[in-house]
Amino acid sequence: MTKRVYIIASFNIDGDVQPLWLRLSLEPKAPCYKIQDCICNKKPTRYQDYATYRCTVAYRNERYEIGLHYYPQPCYWTMTINNSSAMAKL
């Protein structure tokens, strides 16, 4: 399952991006998920217009494995998770 998500991220002067927090919607009561571990698997190139990340997200003492894609030109993020994952039901 792929879904657009909202990310608070850190950017450095070298152009590296590190996602810090995840939100599934912009509703005022929507929970925020802390991204604990994140590895950038692929950076944007001339042939691929997005970066790929594998992350571990924590919420209420539970951990979830997710994939993130960052599209720098339109500046948005998508999340990829397994349909059987507990995170898909949140």
C-alpha atoms as a PDB file:
ATOM      1  CA  MET A   1       0.000   0.000   0.000  1.00  0.00           C
ATOM      2  CA  THR A   2       1.324   3.454  -0.890  1.00  0.00           C
ATOM      3  CA  LYS A   3      -0.022   6.586   0.767  1.00  0.00           C
ATOM      4  CA  ARG A   4       0.959  10.257   0.791  1.00  0.00           C
ATOM      5  CA  VAL A   5       2.241  11.281   4.229  1.00  0.00           C
ATOM      6  CA  TYR A   6       3.521  14.416   5.931  1.00  0.00           C
ATOM      7  CA  ILE A   7       7.094  14.461   7.206  1.00  0.00           C
ATOM      8  CA  ILE A   8       9.159  16.785   9.361  1.00  0.00           C
ATOM      9  CA  ALA A   9      12.695  16.396   8.057  1.00  0.00           C
ATOM     10  CA  SER A  10      16.185  17.742   8.554  1.00  0.00           C
ATOM     11  CA  PHE A  11      18.086  19.130   5.552  1.00  0.00           C
ATOM     12  CA  ASN A  12      21.829  19.876   5.497  1.00  0.00           C
ATOM     13  CA  ILE A  13      23.970  21.996   3.174  1.00  0.00           C
ATOM     14  CA  ASP A  14      25.146  18.910   1.261  1.00  0.00           C
ATOM     15  CA  GLY A  15      21.561  18.225   0.169  1.00  0.00           C
ATOM     16  CA  ASP A  16      21.039  15.227   2.454  1.00  0.00           C
ATOM     17  CA  VAL A  17      17.556  14.740   3.904  1.00  0.00           C
ATOM     18  CA  GLN A  18      16.799  12.929   7.171  1.00  0.00           C
ATOM     19  CA  PRO A  19      13.117  12.292   8.052  1.00  0.00           C
ATOM     20  CA  LEU A  20      12.389  12.854  11.766  1.00  0.00           C
ATOM     21  CA  TRP A  21       8.613  12.694  12.327  1.00  0.00           C
ATOM     22  CA  LEU A  22       5.731  11.148  10.376  1.00  0.00           C
ATOM     23  CA  ARG A  23       2.075  12.188  10.245  1.00  0.00           C
ATOM     24  CA  LEU A  24      -0.572  10.304   8.262  1.00  0.00           C
ATOM     25  CA  SER A  25      -2.942  13.265   7.885  1.00  0.00           C
ATOM     26  CA  LEU A  26      -3.121  16.978   8.605  1.00  0.00           C
ATOM     27  CA  GLU A  27      -6.089  16.692  10.960  1.00  0.00           C
ATOM     28  CA  PRO A  28      -5.434  18.426  14.316  1.00  0.00           C
ATOM     29  CA  LYS A  29      -5.803  15.211  16.359  1.00  0.00           C
ATOM     30  CA  ALA A  30      -3.795  12.999  13.996  1.00  0.00           C
ATOM     31  CA  PRO A  31      -0.951  11.246  15.842  1.00  0.00           C
ATOM     32  CA  CYS A  32       2.716  11.928  15.138  1.00  0.00           C
ATOM     33  CA  TYR A  33       5.117   9.014  14.808  1.00  0.00           C
ATOM     34  CA  LYS A  34       8.779   9.331  15.786  1.00  0.00           C
ATOM     35  CA  ILE A  35      11.130   7.977  13.116  1.00  0.00           C
ATOM     36  CA  GLN A  36      13.812   6.231  15.168  1.00  0.00           C
ATOM     37  CA  ASP A  37      16.078   4.691  12.546  1.00  0.00           C
ATOM     38  CA  CYS A  38      16.253   5.610   8.897  1.00  0.00           C
ATOM     39  CA  ILE A  39      18.607   4.623   6.089  1.00  0.00           C
ATOM     40  CA  CYS A  40      18.636   6.244   2.653  1.00  0.00           C
ATOM     41  CA  ASN A  41      18.840   3.365   0.168  1.00  0.00           C
ATOM     42  CA  LYS A  42      18.786   5.456  -3.016  1.00  0.00           C
ATOM     43  CA  LYS A  43      19.272   9.165  -3.629  1.00  0.00           C
ATOM     44  CA  PRO A  44      17.617  11.029  -6.504  1.00  0.00           C
ATOM     45  CA  THR A  45      19.514  10.752  -9.774  1.00  0.00           C
ATOM     46  CA  ARG A  46      19.101  11.893 -13.323  1.00  0.00           C
ATOM     47  CA  TYR A  47      17.030   8.769 -14.004  1.00  0.00           C
ATOM     48  CA  GLN A  48      15.176   8.413 -10.708  1.00  0.00           C
ATOM     49  CA  ASP A  49      13.429  11.526  -9.395  1.00  0.00           C
ATOM     50  CA  TYR A  50      12.963  10.350  -5.790  1.00  0.00           C
ATOM     51  CA  ALA A  51      14.954   9.151  -2.779  1.00  0.00           C
ATOM     52  CA  THR A  52      14.151   5.839  -1.077  1.00  0.00           C
ATOM     53  CA  TYR A  53      14.350   5.279   2.699  1.00  0.00           C
ATOM     54  CA  ARG A  54      13.833   2.270   5.006  1.00  0.00           C
ATOM     55  CA  CYS A  55      12.703   3.433   8.435  1.00  0.00           C
ATOM     56  CA  THR A  56      11.627   2.215  11.846  1.00  0.00           C
ATOM     57  CA  VAL A  57       8.761   4.187  13.359  1.00  0.00           C
ATOM     58  CA  ALA A  58       7.749   4.159  17.040  1.00  0.00           C
ATOM     59  CA  TYR A  59       4.265   4.794  18.423  1.00  0.00           C
ATOM     60  CA  ARG A  60       2.856   3.747  21.815  1.00  0.00           C
ATOM     61  CA  ASN A  61       5.738   1.386  22.583  1.00  0.00           C
ATOM     62  CA  GLU A  62       5.370  -0.404  19.252  1.00  0.00           C
ATOM     63  CA  ARG A  63       7.761  -0.336  16.296  1.00  0.00           C
ATOM     64  CA  TYR A  64       6.806  -0.472  12.627  1.00  0.00           C
ATOM     65  CA  GLU A  65       8.980  -0.965   9.541  1.00  0.00           C
ATOM     66  CA  ILE A  66       8.067   1.352   6.669  1.00  0.00           C
ATOM     67  CA  GLY A  67       9.441   2.563   3.366  1.00  0.00           C
ATOM     68  CA  LEU A  68       9.458   6.235   2.417  1.00  0.00           C
ATOM     69  CA  HIS A  69       9.906   7.945  -0.932  1.00  0.00           C
ATOM     70  CA  TYR A  70      10.853  11.617  -1.079  1.00  0.00           C
ATOM     71  CA  TYR A  71      10.171  13.559  -4.278  1.00  0.00           C
ATOM     72  CA  PRO A  72      12.291  16.749  -4.047  1.00  0.00           C
ATOM     73  CA  GLN A  73      10.872  18.663  -7.033  1.00  0.00           C
ATOM     74  CA  PRO A  74       7.207  18.694  -5.971  1.00  0.00           C
ATOM     75  CA  CYS A  75       8.406  18.319  -2.335  1.00  0.00           C
ATOM     76  CA  TYR A  76       6.200  15.512  -1.058  1.00  0.00           C
ATOM     77  CA  TRP A  77       6.580  12.130   0.642  1.00  0.00           C
ATOM     78  CA  THR A  78       4.876   8.773   0.191  1.00  0.00           C
ATOM     79  CA  MET A  79       4.896   5.803   2.550  1.00  0.00           C
ATOM     80  CA  THR A  80       4.992   2.185   1.420  1.00  0.00           C
ATOM     81  CA  ILE A  81       3.916  -0.535   3.836  1.00  0.00           C
ATOM     82  CA  ASN A  82       2.835  -4.141   3.675  1.00  0.00           C
ATOM     83  CA  ASN A  83      -0.985  -4.499   3.672  1.00  0.00           C
ATOM     84  CA  SER A  84      -0.725  -7.039   6.500  1.00  0.00           C
ATOM     85  CA  SER A  85       1.265  -4.609   8.656  1.00  0.00           C
ATOM     86  CA  ALA A  86      -0.385  -3.180  11.769  1.00  0.00           C
ATOM     87  CA  MET A  87       0.600   0.283  10.521  1.00  0.00           C
ATOM     88  CA  ALA A  88      -1.783  -0.171   7.532  1.00  0.00           C
ATOM     89  CA  LYS A  89      -4.727  -0.284   9.924  1.00  0.00           C
ATOM     90  CA  LEU A  90      -3.874   2.996  11.697  1.00  0.00           C
END
